[in-house]
Amino acid sequence: MNYIDKIKEMLDAELNMMGTDYVGLLDLYGLLVMVVGENCTNEHIHDAWSVWQNRTEPTHRSLKPFNELTKEVQDLDEPYRQAVIKVAQIQLNQGEDNK
């Protein structure tokens, strides 16, 4: 298993996306773990979802910039942000342990 698959596996442990229509989001959320890590925002999550959603359902009503969404819709991204942050922290701690 390579490092990308390990990150995706850790994310899936938090989000339970394997075997669902949303499994493709794990790649994008994994990229967020590696690129923004603990600094992940709900806007980052929404943008990743938007890239995925544009491929699967480009007319979805929430496929618009984050700041144009209602607060209620913006808040739906929070559990995914928390999962990205948790996995990023684990990755950071594992890196420190290997020094």
C-alpha atoms as a PDB file:
ATOM      1  CA  MET A   1       0.000   0.000   0.000  1.00  0.00           C
ATOM      2  CA  ASN A   2       1.455   3.373  -0.973  1.00  0.00           C
ATOM      3  CA  TYR A   3       1.219   6.600   1.006  1.00  0.00           C
ATOM      4  CA  ILE A   4      -1.765   7.900  -0.990  1.00  0.00           C
ATOM      5  CA  ASP A   5      -3.740   4.731  -0.307  1.00  0.00           C
ATOM      6  CA  LYS A   6      -2.856   4.969   3.399  1.00  0.00           C
ATOM      7  CA  ILE A   7      -4.239   8.505   3.571  1.00  0.00           C
ATOM      8  CA  LYS A   8      -7.390   7.443   1.733  1.00  0.00           C
ATOM      9  CA  GLU A   9      -7.798   4.492   4.091  1.00  0.00           C
ATOM     10  CA  MET A  10      -7.504   6.780   7.128  1.00  0.00           C
ATOM     11  CA  LEU A  11     -10.025   9.198   5.635  1.00  0.00           C
ATOM     12  CA  ASP A  12     -12.411   6.361   4.909  1.00  0.00           C
ATOM     13  CA  ALA A  13     -12.146   5.214   8.532  1.00  0.00           C
ATOM     14  CA  GLU A  14     -13.556   8.640   9.439  1.00  0.00           C
ATOM     15  CA  LEU A  15     -16.021   9.124   6.572  1.00  0.00           C
ATOM     16  CA  ASN A  16     -17.114   5.623   5.455  1.00  0.00           C
ATOM     17  CA  MET A  17     -17.102   6.392   1.727  1.00  0.00           C
ATOM     18  CA  MET A  18     -15.692   3.155   0.290  1.00  0.00           C
ATOM     19  CA  GLY A  19     -18.326   1.281  -1.632  1.00  0.00           C
ATOM     20  CA  THR A  20     -20.484   4.390  -2.086  1.00  0.00           C
ATOM     21  CA  ASP A  21     -20.980   6.796  -4.958  1.00  0.00           C
ATOM     22  CA  TYR A  22     -18.767   9.253  -3.046  1.00  0.00           C
ATOM     23  CA  VAL A  23     -15.583   7.156  -3.020  1.00  0.00           C
ATOM     24  CA  GLY A  24     -14.025   9.467  -5.651  1.00  0.00           C
ATOM     25  CA  LEU A  25     -14.003  12.254  -3.090  1.00  0.00           C
ATOM     26  CA  LEU A  26     -11.363  10.390  -1.080  1.00  0.00           C
ATOM     27  CA  ASP A  27      -8.748  11.244  -3.719  1.00  0.00           C
ATOM     28  CA  LEU A  28      -9.564  14.932  -3.487  1.00  0.00           C
ATOM     29  CA  TYR A  29      -9.796  14.976   0.297  1.00  0.00           C
ATOM     30  CA  GLY A  30      -6.497  13.061   0.382  1.00  0.00           C
ATOM     31  CA  LEU A  31      -4.946  15.817  -1.680  1.00  0.00           C
ATOM     32  CA  LEU A  32      -6.214  18.334   0.877  1.00  0.00           C
ATOM     33  CA  VAL A  33      -4.534  16.305   3.646  1.00  0.00           C
ATOM     34  CA  MET A  34      -1.229  16.607   1.796  1.00  0.00           C
ATOM     35  CA  VAL A  35      -1.521  20.189   0.549  1.00  0.00           C
ATOM     36  CA  VAL A  36      -3.327  22.197   3.238  1.00  0.00           C
ATOM     37  CA  GLY A  37      -3.338  19.711   6.112  1.00  0.00           C
ATOM     38  CA  GLU A  38      -4.391  21.208   9.442  1.00  0.00           C
ATOM     39  CA  ASN A  39      -5.198  24.504   7.710  1.00  0.00           C
ATOM     40  CA  CYS A  40      -8.101  22.940   5.815  1.00  0.00           C
ATOM     41  CA  THR A  41     -11.225  25.089   5.683  1.00  0.00           C
ATOM     42  CA  ASN A  42     -14.813  24.331   4.802  1.00  0.00           C
ATOM     43  CA  GLU A  43     -14.198  26.286   1.604  1.00  0.00           C
ATOM     44  CA  HIS A  44     -11.387  23.872   0.675  1.00  0.00           C
ATOM     45  CA  ILE A  45     -13.761  20.956   1.274  1.00  0.00           C
ATOM     46  CA  HIS A  46     -16.463  22.586  -0.807  1.00  0.00           C
ATOM     47  CA  ASP A  47     -14.057  23.298  -3.660  1.00  0.00           C
ATOM     48  CA  ALA A  48     -12.867  19.674  -3.681  1.00  0.00           C
ATOM     49  CA  TRP A  49     -16.482  18.496  -3.638  1.00  0.00           C
ATOM     50  CA  SER A  50     -17.270  20.945  -6.463  1.00  0.00           C
ATOM     51  CA  VAL A  51     -14.549  19.472  -8.693  1.00  0.00           C
ATOM     52  CA  TRP A  52     -15.974  15.990  -8.073  1.00  0.00           C
ATOM     53  CA  GLN A  53     -19.592  17.132  -8.398  1.00  0.00           C
ATOM     54  CA  ASN A  54     -18.874  18.889 -11.681  1.00  0.00           C
ATOM     55  CA  ARG A  55     -17.994  15.470 -13.130  1.00  0.00           C
ATOM     56  CA  THR A  56     -20.950  13.620 -11.646  1.00  0.00           C
ATOM     57  CA  GLU A  57     -23.806  16.147 -11.644  1.00  0.00           C
ATOM     58  CA  PRO A  58     -22.765  19.510 -13.125  1.00  0.00           C
ATOM     59  CA  THR A  59     -26.191  21.061 -12.578  1.00  0.00           C
ATOM     60  CA  HIS A  60     -26.266  20.458  -8.793  1.00  0.00           C
ATOM     61  CA  ARG A  61     -27.750  23.479  -6.995  1.00  0.00           C
ATOM     62  CA  SER A  62     -24.782  23.770  -4.606  1.00  0.00           C
ATOM     63  CA  LEU A  63     -22.221  23.871  -7.388  1.00  0.00           C
ATOM     64  CA  LYS A  64     -21.365  27.519  -6.839  1.00  0.00           C
ATOM     65  CA  PRO A  65     -18.695  29.459  -4.939  1.00  0.00           C
ATOM     66  CA  PHE A  66     -18.628  28.754  -1.213  1.00  0.00           C
ATOM     67  CA  ASN A  67     -19.530  32.319  -0.229  1.00  0.00           C
ATOM     68  CA  GLU A  68     -22.767  32.053  -2.240  1.00  0.00           C
ATOM     69  CA  LEU A  69     -24.003  29.067  -0.218  1.00  0.00           C
ATOM     70  CA  THR A  70     -26.316  29.418   2.755  1.00  0.00           C
ATOM     71  CA  LYS A  71     -24.745  28.996   6.195  1.00  0.00           C
ATOM     72  CA  GLU A  72     -26.636  25.706   6.574  1.00  0.00           C
ATOM     73  CA  VAL A  73     -25.128  24.307   3.378  1.00  0.00           C
ATOM     74  CA  GLN A  74     -21.655  25.608   4.289  1.00  0.00           C
ATOM     75  CA  ASP A  75     -21.909  23.810   7.627  1.00  0.00           C
ATOM     76  CA  LEU A  76     -22.419  20.466   5.858  1.00  0.00           C
ATOM     77  CA  ASP A  77     -18.698  20.547   4.971  1.00  0.00           C
ATOM     78  CA  GLU A  78     -17.572  20.566   8.625  1.00  0.00           C
ATOM     79  CA  PRO A  79     -17.388  16.782   9.237  1.00  0.00           C
ATOM     80  CA  TYR A  80     -15.227  16.390   6.123  1.00  0.00           C
ATOM     81  CA  ARG A  81     -12.956  19.241   7.223  1.00  0.00           C
ATOM     82  CA  GLN A  82     -12.577  17.601  10.625  1.00  0.00           C
ATOM     83  CA  ALA A  83     -11.635  14.292   8.982  1.00  0.00           C
ATOM     84  CA  VAL A  84      -9.001  15.967   6.776  1.00  0.00           C
ATOM     85  CA  ILE A  85      -7.536  17.763   9.792  1.00  0.00           C
ATOM     86  CA  LYS A  86      -7.477  14.578  11.901  1.00  0.00           C
ATOM     87  CA  VAL A  87      -5.706  12.579   9.203  1.00  0.00           C
ATOM     88  CA  ALA A  88      -3.263  15.452   8.598  1.00  0.00           C
ATOM     89  CA  GLN A  89      -2.437  15.522  12.313  1.00  0.00           C
ATOM     90  CA  ILE A  90      -1.861  11.767  12.335  1.00  0.00           C
ATOM     91  CA  GLN A  91       0.420  12.102   9.314  1.00  0.00           C
ATOM     92  CA  LEU A  92       2.312  14.931  10.986  1.00  0.00           C
ATOM     93  CA  ASN A  93       2.739  12.942  14.200  1.00  0.00           C
ATOM     94  CA  GLN A  94       3.914   9.875  12.290  1.00  0.00           C
ATOM     95  CA  GLY A  95       6.462  12.045  10.509  1.00  0.00           C
ATOM     96  CA  GLU A  96       7.738  13.351  13.820  1.00  0.00           C
ATOM     97  CA  ASP A  97       7.997   9.805  15.172  1.00  0.00           C
ATOM     98  CA  ASN A  98      10.204   8.837  12.209  1.00  0.00           C
ATOM     99  CA  LYS A  99      12.779  11.554  12.910  1.00  0.00           C
END
